[in-house]
Amino acid sequence: MASMKQKDSSTAPRRRRVSEAIEIAKDYQTDVYWQGEVVWRYSDWKKQSRASRELVAAV
């Protein structure tokens, strides 16, 4: 159980930094990379947000 707590506490700063990077990436319309890997894609977010807006408009 202790190892899980250590793992969770070590990922918290990563999650915070990725979340901050995502907010910036939305403005610059770009993807977010972490250690050379794409962890968030602007194009996926754009499609999802567009679909959400269309769903709301249809209601």
PDB file of N, CA and C in Angstrom:
ATOM      1  N   MET A   1       0.818  -1.193   0.000  1.00  0.00           N
ATOM      2  CA  MET A   1       0.000   0.000   0.000  1.00  0.00           C
ATOM      3  C   MET A   1       0.861   1.255   0.000  1.00  0.00           C
ATOM      4  N   ALA A   2       1.968   1.240   0.701  1.00  0.00           N
ATOM      5  CA  ALA A   2       2.846   2.406   0.750  1.00  0.00           C
ATOM      6  C   ALA A   2       3.389   2.743  -0.637  1.00  0.00           C
ATOM      7  N   SER A   3       3.683   1.720  -1.418  1.00  0.00           N
ATOM      8  CA  SER A   3       4.218   1.989  -2.755  1.00  0.00           C
ATOM      9  C   SER A   3       3.179   2.683  -3.636  1.00  0.00           C
ATOM     10  N   MET A   4       1.908   2.369  -3.468  1.00  0.00           N
ATOM     11  CA  MET A   4       0.873   3.039  -4.248  1.00  0.00           C
ATOM     12  C   MET A   4       0.788   4.513  -3.870  1.00  0.00           C
ATOM     13  N   LYS A   5       0.899   4.810  -2.602  1.00  0.00           N
ATOM     14  CA  LYS A   5       0.858   6.205  -2.175  1.00  0.00           C
ATOM     15  C   LYS A   5       2.034   6.972  -2.753  1.00  0.00           C
ATOM     16  N   GLN A   6       3.209   6.359  -2.762  1.00  0.00           N
ATOM     17  CA  GLN A   6       4.381   7.027  -3.326  1.00  0.00           C
ATOM     18  C   GLN A   6       4.172   7.275  -4.817  1.00  0.00           C
ATOM     19  N   LYS A   7       3.616   6.302  -5.503  1.00  0.00           N
ATOM     20  CA  LYS A   7       3.381   6.464  -6.927  1.00  0.00           C
ATOM     21  C   LYS A   7       2.394   7.599  -7.179  1.00  0.00           C
ATOM     22  N   ASP A   8       1.301   7.632  -6.407  1.00  0.00           N
ATOM     23  CA  ASP A   8       0.303   8.684  -6.579  1.00  0.00           C
ATOM     24  C   ASP A   8       0.894  10.056  -6.317  1.00  0.00           C
ATOM     25  N   SER A   9       1.701  10.179  -5.274  1.00  0.00           N
ATOM     26  CA  SER A   9       2.268  11.489  -4.957  1.00  0.00           C
ATOM     27  C   SER A   9       3.299  11.919  -5.993  1.00  0.00           C
ATOM     28  N   SER A  10       3.956  10.977  -6.642  1.00  0.00           N
ATOM     29  CA  SER A  10       4.948  11.348  -7.659  1.00  0.00           C
ATOM     30  C   SER A  10       4.285  11.739  -8.976  1.00  0.00           C
ATOM     31  N   THR A  11       3.065  11.275  -9.221  1.00  0.00           N
ATOM     32  CA  THR A  11       2.386  11.629 -10.471  1.00  0.00           C
ATOM     33  C   THR A  11       1.619  12.938 -10.359  1.00  0.00           C
ATOM     34  N   ALA A  12       1.360  13.399  -9.150  1.00  0.00           N
ATOM     35  CA  ALA A  12       0.602  14.641  -8.970  1.00  0.00           C
ATOM     36  C   ALA A  12       1.284  15.838  -9.638  1.00  0.00           C
ATOM     37  N   PRO A  13       2.593  16.046  -9.432  1.00  0.00           N
ATOM     38  CA  PRO A  13       3.235  17.182 -10.122  1.00  0.00           C
ATOM     39  C   PRO A  13       3.182  17.039 -11.647  1.00  0.00           C
ATOM     40  N   ARG A  14       3.320  15.818 -12.146  1.00  0.00           N
ATOM     41  CA  ARG A  14       3.239  15.582 -13.590  1.00  0.00           C
ATOM     42  C   ARG A  14       1.865  15.959 -14.094  1.00  0.00           C
ATOM     43  N   ARG A  15       0.825  15.522 -13.412  1.00  0.00           N
ATOM     44  CA  ARG A  15      -0.542  15.843 -13.835  1.00  0.00           C
ATOM     45  C   ARG A  15      -0.777  17.346 -13.843  1.00  0.00           C
ATOM     46  N   ARG A  16      -0.278  18.014 -12.830  1.00  0.00           N
ATOM     47  CA  ARG A  16      -0.460  19.468 -12.746  1.00  0.00           C
ATOM     48  C   ARG A  16       0.248  20.157 -13.910  1.00  0.00           C
ATOM     49  N   ARG A  17       1.476  19.733 -14.204  1.00  0.00           N
ATOM     50  CA  ARG A  17       2.225  20.352 -15.305  1.00  0.00           C
ATOM     51  C   ARG A  17       1.575  20.062 -16.646  1.00  0.00           C
ATOM     52  N   VAL A  18       1.087  18.840 -16.826  1.00  0.00           N
ATOM     53  CA  VAL A  18       0.417  18.494 -18.081  1.00  0.00           C
ATOM     54  C   VAL A  18      -0.874  19.301 -18.211  1.00  0.00           C
ATOM     55  N   SER A  19      -1.618  19.434 -17.129  1.00  0.00           N
ATOM     56  CA  SER A  19      -2.856  20.228 -17.166  1.00  0.00           C
ATOM     57  C   SER A  19      -2.571  21.673 -17.541  1.00  0.00           C
ATOM     58  N   GLU A  20      -1.529  22.234 -16.981  1.00  0.00           N
ATOM     59  CA  GLU A  20      -1.141  23.608 -17.319  1.00  0.00           C
ATOM     60  C   GLU A  20      -0.735  23.697 -18.788  1.00  0.00           C
ATOM     61  N   ALA A  21       0.014  22.706 -19.251  1.00  0.00           N
ATOM     62  CA  ALA A  21       0.460  22.698 -20.642  1.00  0.00           C
ATOM     63  C   ALA A  21      -0.730  22.580 -21.599  1.00  0.00           C
ATOM     64  N   ILE A  22      -1.739  21.819 -21.208  1.00  0.00           N
ATOM     65  CA  ILE A  22      -2.931  21.658 -22.042  1.00  0.00           C
ATOM     66  C   ILE A  22      -3.652  22.991 -22.209  1.00  0.00           C
ATOM     67  N   GLU A  23      -3.780  23.735 -21.135  1.00  0.00           N
ATOM     68  CA  GLU A  23      -4.448  25.034 -21.222  1.00  0.00           C
ATOM     69  C   GLU A  23      -3.700  25.975 -22.163  1.00  0.00           C
ATOM     70  N   ILE A  24      -2.387  25.947 -22.118  1.00  0.00           N
ATOM     71  CA  ILE A  24      -1.575  26.768 -23.023  1.00  0.00           C
ATOM     72  C   ILE A  24      -1.699  26.254 -24.459  1.00  0.00           C
ATOM     73  N   ALA A  25      -1.688  24.924 -24.614  1.00  0.00           N
ATOM     74  CA  ALA A  25      -1.759  24.320 -25.943  1.00  0.00           C
ATOM     75  C   ALA A  25      -3.063  24.661 -26.648  1.00  0.00           C
ATOM     76  N   LYS A  26      -4.140  24.819 -25.901  1.00  0.00           N
ATOM     77  CA  LYS A  26      -5.421  25.194 -26.507  1.00  0.00           C
ATOM     78  C   LYS A  26      -5.299  26.553 -27.187  1.00  0.00           C
ATOM     79  N   ASP A  27      -4.610  27.490 -26.549  1.00  0.00           N
ATOM     80  CA  ASP A  27      -4.423  28.816 -27.145  1.00  0.00           C
ATOM     81  C   ASP A  27      -3.558  28.758 -28.396  1.00  0.00           C
ATOM     82  N   TYR A  28      -2.531  27.914 -28.364  1.00  0.00           N
ATOM     83  CA  TYR A  28      -1.600  27.822 -29.484  1.00  0.00           C
ATOM     84  C   TYR A  28      -1.981  26.743 -30.499  1.00  0.00           C
ATOM     85  N   GLN A  29      -3.079  26.036 -30.228  1.00  0.00           N
ATOM     86  CA  GLN A  29      -3.582  24.984 -31.112  1.00  0.00           C
ATOM     87  C   GLN A  29      -2.507  23.962 -31.458  1.00  0.00           C
ATOM     88  N   THR A  30      -1.902  23.412 -30.420  1.00  0.00           N
ATOM     89  CA  THR A  30      -0.836  22.438 -30.607  1.00  0.00           C
ATOM     90  C   THR A  30      -1.014  21.260 -29.662  1.00  0.00           C
ATOM     91  N   ASP A  31      -0.266  20.205 -29.878  1.00  0.00           N
ATOM     92  CA  ASP A  31      -0.308  19.016 -29.027  1.00  0.00           C
ATOM     93  C   ASP A  31       0.598  19.205 -27.814  1.00  0.00           C
ATOM     94  N   VAL A  32       0.413  18.353 -26.812  1.00  0.00           N
ATOM     95  CA  VAL A  32       1.259  18.376 -25.614  1.00  0.00           C
ATOM     96  C   VAL A  32       2.060  17.082 -25.583  1.00  0.00           C
ATOM     97  N   TYR A  33       3.357  17.230 -25.396  1.00  0.00           N
ATOM     98  CA  TYR A  33       4.261  16.090 -25.315  1.00  0.00           C
ATOM     99  C   TYR A  33       4.823  15.981 -23.910  1.00  0.00           C
ATOM    100  N   TRP A  34       5.037  14.744 -23.462  1.00  0.00           N
ATOM    101  CA  TRP A  34       5.702  14.496 -22.184  1.00  0.00           C
ATOM    102  C   TRP A  34       6.722  13.405 -22.434  1.00  0.00           C
ATOM    103  N   GLN A  35       7.966  13.720 -22.207  1.00  0.00           N
ATOM    104  CA  GLN A  35       9.082  12.795 -22.403  1.00  0.00           C
ATOM    105  C   GLN A  35       9.039  12.165 -23.799  1.00  0.00           C
ATOM    106  N   GLY A  36       8.800  12.996 -24.785  1.00  0.00           N
ATOM    107  CA  GLY A  36       8.834  12.559 -26.177  1.00  0.00           C
ATOM    108  C   GLY A  36       7.574  11.891 -26.690  1.00  0.00           C
ATOM    109  N   GLU A  37       6.544  11.771 -25.867  1.00  0.00           N
ATOM    110  CA  GLU A  37       5.300  11.134 -26.287  1.00  0.00           C
ATOM    111  C   GLU A  37       4.156  12.137 -26.234  1.00  0.00           C
ATOM    112  N   VAL A  38       3.231  12.007 -27.189  1.00  0.00           N
ATOM    113  CA  VAL A  38       2.055  12.876 -27.195  1.00  0.00           C
ATOM    114  C   VAL A  38       1.131  12.405 -26.071  1.00  0.00           C
ATOM    115  N   VAL A  39       0.789  13.317 -25.167  1.00  0.00           N
ATOM    116  CA  VAL A  39      -0.117  12.974 -24.072  1.00  0.00           C
ATOM    117  C   VAL A  39      -1.471  13.658 -24.225  1.00  0.00           C
ATOM    118  N   TRP A  40      -1.573  14.597 -25.158  1.00  0.00           N
ATOM    119  CA  TRP A  40      -2.833  15.293 -25.418  1.00  0.00           C
ATOM    120  C   TRP A  40      -2.759  15.855 -26.823  1.00  0.00           C
ATOM    121  N   ARG A  41      -3.824  15.652 -27.587  1.00  0.00           N
ATOM    122  CA  ARG A  41      -3.864  16.138 -28.967  1.00  0.00           C
ATOM    123  C   ARG A  41      -4.918  17.237 -29.121  1.00  0.00           C
ATOM    124  N   TYR A  42      -4.483  18.343 -29.670  1.00  0.00           N
ATOM    125  CA  TYR A  42      -5.397  19.456 -29.913  1.00  0.00           C
ATOM    126  C   TYR A  42      -6.524  19.030 -30.839  1.00  0.00           C
ATOM    127  N   SER A  43      -6.208  18.288 -31.878  1.00  0.00           N
ATOM    128  CA  SER A  43      -7.232  17.893 -32.853  1.00  0.00           C
ATOM    129  C   SER A  43      -8.319  17.042 -32.198  1.00  0.00           C
ATOM    130  N   ASP A  44      -7.950  16.165 -31.267  1.00  0.00           N
ATOM    131  CA  ASP A  44      -8.944  15.356 -30.558  1.00  0.00           C
ATOM    132  C   ASP A  44      -9.837  16.244 -29.696  1.00  0.00           C
ATOM    133  N   TRP A  45      -9.232  17.195 -29.009  1.00  0.00           N
ATOM    134  CA  TRP A  45      -9.997  18.105 -28.148  1.00  0.00           C
ATOM    135  C   TRP A  45     -10.941  18.952 -29.000  1.00  0.00           C
ATOM    136  N   LYS A  46     -10.461  19.410 -30.136  1.00  0.00           N
ATOM    137  CA  LYS A  46     -11.277  20.246 -31.021  1.00  0.00           C
ATOM    138  C   LYS A  46     -12.502  19.471 -31.503  1.00  0.00           C
ATOM    139  N   LYS A  47     -12.305  18.212 -31.909  1.00  0.00           N
ATOM    140  CA  LYS A  47     -13.419  17.378 -32.357  1.00  0.00           C
ATOM    141  C   LYS A  47     -14.419  17.165 -31.218  1.00  0.00           C
ATOM    142  N   GLN A  48     -13.903  16.881 -30.038  1.00  0.00           N
ATOM    143  CA  GLN A  48     -14.767  16.627 -28.888  1.00  0.00           C
ATOM    144  C   GLN A  48     -15.553  17.875 -28.506  1.00  0.00           C
ATOM    145  N   SER A  49     -14.886  19.005 -28.477  1.00  0.00           N
ATOM    146  CA  SER A  49     -15.581  20.233 -28.087  1.00  0.00           C
ATOM    147  C   SER A  49     -16.603  20.640 -29.144  1.00  0.00           C
ATOM    148  N   ARG A  50     -16.300  20.405 -30.402  1.00  0.00           N
ATOM    149  CA  ARG A  50     -17.248  20.704 -31.483  1.00  0.00           C
ATOM    150  C   ARG A  50     -18.481  19.807 -31.355  1.00  0.00           C
ATOM    151  N   ALA A  51     -18.271  18.517 -31.075  1.00  0.00           N
ATOM    152  CA  ALA A  51     -19.375  17.590 -30.926  1.00  0.00           C
ATOM    153  C   ALA A  51     -20.241  17.975 -29.722  1.00  0.00           C
ATOM    154  N   SER A  52     -19.626  18.432 -28.654  1.00  0.00           N
ATOM    155  CA  SER A  52     -20.368  18.865 -27.472  1.00  0.00           C
ATOM    156  C   SER A  52     -21.229  20.074 -27.792  1.00  0.00           C
ATOM    157  N   ARG A  53     -20.671  21.032 -28.531  1.00  0.00           N
ATOM    158  CA  ARG A  53     -21.433  22.226 -28.895  1.00  0.00           C
ATOM    159  C   ARG A  53     -22.614  21.868 -29.797  1.00  0.00           C
ATOM    160  N   GLU A  54     -22.394  20.933 -30.734  1.00  0.00           N
ATOM    161  CA  GLU A  54     -23.470  20.523 -31.622  1.00  0.00           C
ATOM    162  C   GLU A  54     -24.574  19.813 -30.865  1.00  0.00           C
ATOM    163  N   LEU A  55     -24.207  19.021 -29.883  1.00  0.00           N
ATOM    164  CA  LEU A  55     -25.184  18.311 -29.069  1.00  0.00           C
ATOM    165  C   LEU A  55     -26.036  19.292 -28.275  1.00  0.00           C
ATOM    166  N   VAL A  56     -25.405  20.293 -27.692  1.00  0.00           N
ATOM    167  CA  VAL A  56     -26.119  21.304 -26.921  1.00  0.00           C
ATOM    168  C   VAL A  56     -27.060  22.093 -27.833  1.00  0.00           C
ATOM    169  N   ALA A  57     -26.609  22.409 -29.028  1.00  0.00           N
ATOM    170  CA  ALA A  57     -27.437  23.175 -29.972  1.00  0.00           C
ATOM    171  C   ALA A  57     -28.638  22.372 -30.422  1.00  0.00           C
ATOM    172  N   ALA A  58     -28.503  21.050 -30.486  1.00  0.00           N
ATOM    173  CA  ALA A  58     -29.600  20.199 -30.946  1.00  0.00           C
ATOM    174  C   ALA A  58     -30.687  20.057 -29.888  1.00  0.00           C
ATOM    175  N   VAL A  59     -30.366  20.316 -28.649  1.00  0.00           N
ATOM    176  CA  VAL A  59     -31.341  20.128 -27.562  1.00  0.00           C
ATOM    177  C   VAL A  59     -32.266  21.269 -27.430  1.00  0.00           C
TER     178      VAL A  59
END
